[in-house]
Protein backbone atom coordinates (compact mmCIF):
# COMPACT_ATOMS: atom_id res chain seq x y z
CA MET A 1 -82.44 -61.03 -84.17
CA LEU A 2 -84.91 -61.03 -87.05
CA ASP A 3 -88.11 -59.05 -86.52
CA LEU A 4 -90.29 -59.09 -89.62
CA SER A 5 -93.57 -58.41 -87.83
CA TYR A 6 -96.14 -56.07 -89.43
CA ASN A 7 -94.58 -56.33 -92.92
CA ASN A 8 -97.55 -57.70 -94.87
CA LEU A 9 -95.55 -60.81 -95.79
CA THR A 10 -97.48 -63.49 -97.63
CA GLY A 11 -96.88 -67.12 -98.59
CA ALA A 12 -95.12 -69.85 -96.69
CA ILE A 13 -92.44 -69.50 -94.05
CA PRO A 14 -89.22 -70.37 -95.93
CA THR A 15 -87.55 -73.60 -94.88
CA SER A 16 -84.25 -71.81 -95.46
CA PHE A 17 -84.73 -70.07 -92.11
CA GLU A 18 -83.06 -73.15 -90.63
CA GLU A 19 -79.76 -71.64 -91.88
CA LEU A 20 -80.16 -68.76 -89.42
CA SER A 21 -78.37 -70.81 -86.78
CA ASN A 22 -77.34 -67.79 -84.69
CA VAL A 23 -80.74 -66.12 -84.56
CA TYR A 24 -82.15 -65.78 -81.05
CA LEU A 25 -85.34 -63.84 -81.93
CA LEU A 26 -87.63 -64.65 -84.83
CA ASP A 27 -90.78 -62.56 -84.98
CA LEU A 28 -93.07 -63.11 -87.98
CA SER A 29 -96.26 -61.99 -86.25
CA HIS A 30 -99.03 -59.87 -87.76
CA ASN A 31 -98.42 -60.79 -91.39
CA SER A 32 -100.38 -62.92 -93.85
CA LEU A 33 -98.15 -65.99 -93.81
CA SER A 34 -99.89 -69.25 -94.72
CA GLY A 35 -99.15 -72.95 -94.79
CA GLU A 36 -97.46 -74.97 -92.09
CA ILE A 37 -94.63 -73.99 -89.74
CA PRO A 38 -91.58 -75.75 -91.26
CA GLN A 39 -90.22 -78.64 -89.21
CA GLN A 40 -86.73 -77.27 -89.96
CA LEU A 41 -87.32 -74.42 -87.48
CA THR A 42 -86.86 -76.95 -84.66
CA GLN A 43 -83.14 -76.87 -85.53
CA LEU A 44 -82.73 -73.24 -84.39
CA SER A 45 -81.04 -74.10 -81.10
CA LEU A 46 -80.36 -70.52 -79.92
CA LEU A 47 -83.92 -69.32 -80.40
CA ASN A 48 -85.31 -67.81 -77.23
CA HIS A 49 -88.16 -65.73 -78.72
CA PHE A 50 -90.45 -67.01 -81.46
CA ASP A 51 -93.70 -65.38 -82.56
CA VAL A 52 -95.91 -66.33 -85.50
CA SER A 53 -99.14 -65.03 -84.00
CA TYR A 54 -101.84 -63.45 -86.15
CA ASN A 55 -101.07 -65.03 -89.48
CA GLN A 56 -102.96 -67.64 -91.51
CA LEU A 57 -100.86 -70.65 -90.57
CA THR A 58 -102.31 -74.16 -90.57
CA GLY A 59 -101.43 -77.66 -89.45
CA PRO A 60 -99.60 -79.01 -86.44
CA ILE A 61 -96.97 -77.00 -84.58
CA PRO A 62 -93.64 -78.83 -85.03
CA GLN A 63 -92.47 -80.52 -81.85
CA GLY A 64 -88.81 -80.54 -80.92
CA GLY A 65 -85.95 -78.21 -80.22
CA GLN A 66 -86.65 -74.74 -78.95
CA LEU A 67 -90.17 -74.63 -80.45
CA THR A 68 -91.45 -76.72 -77.54
CA THR A 69 -90.44 -74.00 -75.05
CA PHE A 70 -92.78 -71.29 -76.37
CA GLU A 71 -96.12 -70.44 -74.87
CA ASN A 72 -99.57 -70.25 -76.42
CA ASP A 73 -99.25 -66.52 -77.21
CA SER A 74 -96.51 -67.23 -79.79
CA PHE A 75 -99.08 -69.02 -81.96
CA ILE A 76 -102.47 -67.33 -81.28
CA GLY A 77 -104.47 -65.78 -84.08
CA ASN A 78 -103.92 -68.76 -86.42
CA PRO A 79 -107.20 -70.69 -86.31
CA GLY A 80 -105.75 -73.45 -88.51
CA LEU A 81 -102.88 -74.29 -86.15
CA CYS A 82 -103.14 -77.21 -83.75
CA GLY A 83 -101.03 -79.14 -81.28
CA SER A 84 -99.05 -78.24 -78.22
CA PRO A 85 -98.96 -75.61 -76.70
CA LEU A 86 -102.39 -74.74 -78.13
CA SER A 87 -105.47 -76.35 -76.63
CA LYS A 88 -106.69 -77.37 -80.09
CA GLU A 89 -105.71 -80.97 -80.84
CA CYS A 90 -104.70 -82.04 -84.31
CA GLY A 91 -106.95 -85.07 -84.58
CA ASN A 92 -106.05 -88.60 -85.57
CA HIS A 93 -103.77 -87.88 -88.50
CA GLU A 94 -100.10 -88.51 -87.87
CA VAL A 95 -97.72 -85.84 -89.06
CA LEU A 96 -94.35 -86.99 -90.31
CA ALA A 97 -91.42 -84.62 -90.28
CA PRO A 98 -90.10 -84.00 -93.79
CA PRO A 99 -86.55 -85.14 -94.51
CA HIS A 100 -83.91 -82.47 -93.95
CA ASP A 101 -83.07 -82.09 -97.63
CA SER A 102 -86.59 -82.45 -99.06
CA PHE A 103 -87.86 -79.89 -101.53
CA VAL A 104 -90.66 -77.74 -100.16
CA GLU A 105 -92.31 -75.29 -102.52
CA GLU A 106 -92.15 -71.74 -101.15
CA ASP A 107 -93.78 -68.52 -102.17
CA GLU A 108 -90.99 -66.77 -104.09
CA GLY A 109 -92.27 -63.27 -103.32
CA SER A 110 -92.10 -63.85 -99.58
CA ALA A 111 -88.69 -65.51 -99.80
CA ASP A 112 -87.36 -62.62 -101.91
CA VAL A 113 -88.51 -60.01 -99.40
CA ILE A 114 -87.03 -61.94 -96.49
CA GLY A 115 -83.79 -62.47 -98.44
CA TRP A 116 -83.51 -58.76 -99.12
CA VAL A 117 -84.11 -57.95 -95.45
CA ILE A 118 -81.38 -60.38 -94.40
CA ARG A 119 -78.94 -58.96 -96.98
CA CYS A 120 -79.66 -55.38 -95.92
CA MET A 121 -79.05 -56.28 -92.29
CA GLY A 122 -75.69 -57.73 -93.28
CA TYR A 123 -74.67 -54.72 -95.36
CA ILE A 124 -75.70 -52.27 -92.66
CA SER A 125 -73.88 -54.14 -89.92
CA GLY A 126 -70.74 -54.28 -92.11
CA LEU A 127 -70.97 -50.56 -92.76
CA VAL A 128 -71.32 -49.80 -89.05
CA VAL A 129 -68.34 -51.98 -88.16
CA GLY A 130 -66.26 -50.33 -90.90
CA VAL A 131 -67.13 -46.81 -89.79
CA VAL A 132 -66.47 -47.59 -86.13
CA LEU A 133 -63.10 -49.24 -86.87
CA GLY A 134 -62.12 -46.41 -89.22
CA ARG A 135 -63.02 -43.84 -86.60
CA MET A 136 -61.03 -45.73 -83.95
CA ILE A 137 -57.95 -45.92 -86.18
CA THR A 138 -58.04 -42.29 -87.23
CA THR A 139 -58.68 -40.85 -83.75
CA GLU A 140 -56.39 -43.03 -81.65
CA ASN A 141 -53.53 -43.02 -84.19
CA HIS A 142 -54.17 -39.62 -85.69
CA ASP A 143 -50.49 -38.61 -85.98
CA TRP A 144 -49.55 -41.91 -87.65
CA PHE A 145 -52.53 -41.69 -90.02
CA VAL A 146 -51.77 -38.11 -91.12
CA GLU A 147 -48.04 -38.77 -91.43
CA THR A 148 -48.54 -41.93 -93.53
CA PHE A 149 -51.07 -40.53 -95.95
CA GLU A 150 -49.42 -37.12 -96.19
CA ARG A 151 -46.21 -38.83 -97.33
CA ARG A 152 -48.12 -40.76 -99.96
CA GLN A 153 -49.80 -37.59 -101.27
CA GLN A 154 -46.47 -35.76 -101.45
CA HIS A 155 -44.88 -38.70 -103.25
CA LYS A 156 -47.70 -38.76 -105.81
CA LYS A 157 -47.41 -35.00 -106.39
CA LYS A 158 -43.65 -35.24 -107.01
CA LYS A 159 -44.15 -38.16 -109.39
CA THR A 160 -46.86 -36.26 -111.30
CA GLN A 161 -44.64 -33.15 -111.53
CA ARG A 162 -41.73 -35.22 -112.93
CA ASN A 163 -43.98 -36.83 -115.55
CA THR A 164 -45.29 -33.46 -116.78
CA ARG A 165 -41.79 -32.01 -117.41
């Protein structure tokens, strides 16, 4: 789950979002994102909620993958967007999907903010897992925990006392 709505994000949607293969919710609504929706987002196969409404996005909505399953309200508020599911057609120009490994210039400020958010989510989830596991170990095996670490403390005290003599 990645909800970055109402964060005043600017610039392009990073193509690196395609690496978020386990994300099932991507909400970028109510920001100031611009440019096109990257074709790479069609590769997010677990995505069941996608919202880029009320940004400044332009161009055709990529067709393929999970992006074709979202309704009009996922894209509204972007007057420059066109194509299905919106009623606004894109015209006669044909849009080619960029190659998977092509270089797409991104707004570094936006990518930095999003990168920090992703890192923070990882650190916080690791901290929570560590605290929960530590609590489980110390409460369910309290006697073992106290016995083991008490012995180590006593051993260190004896060793310190011998070294000071």
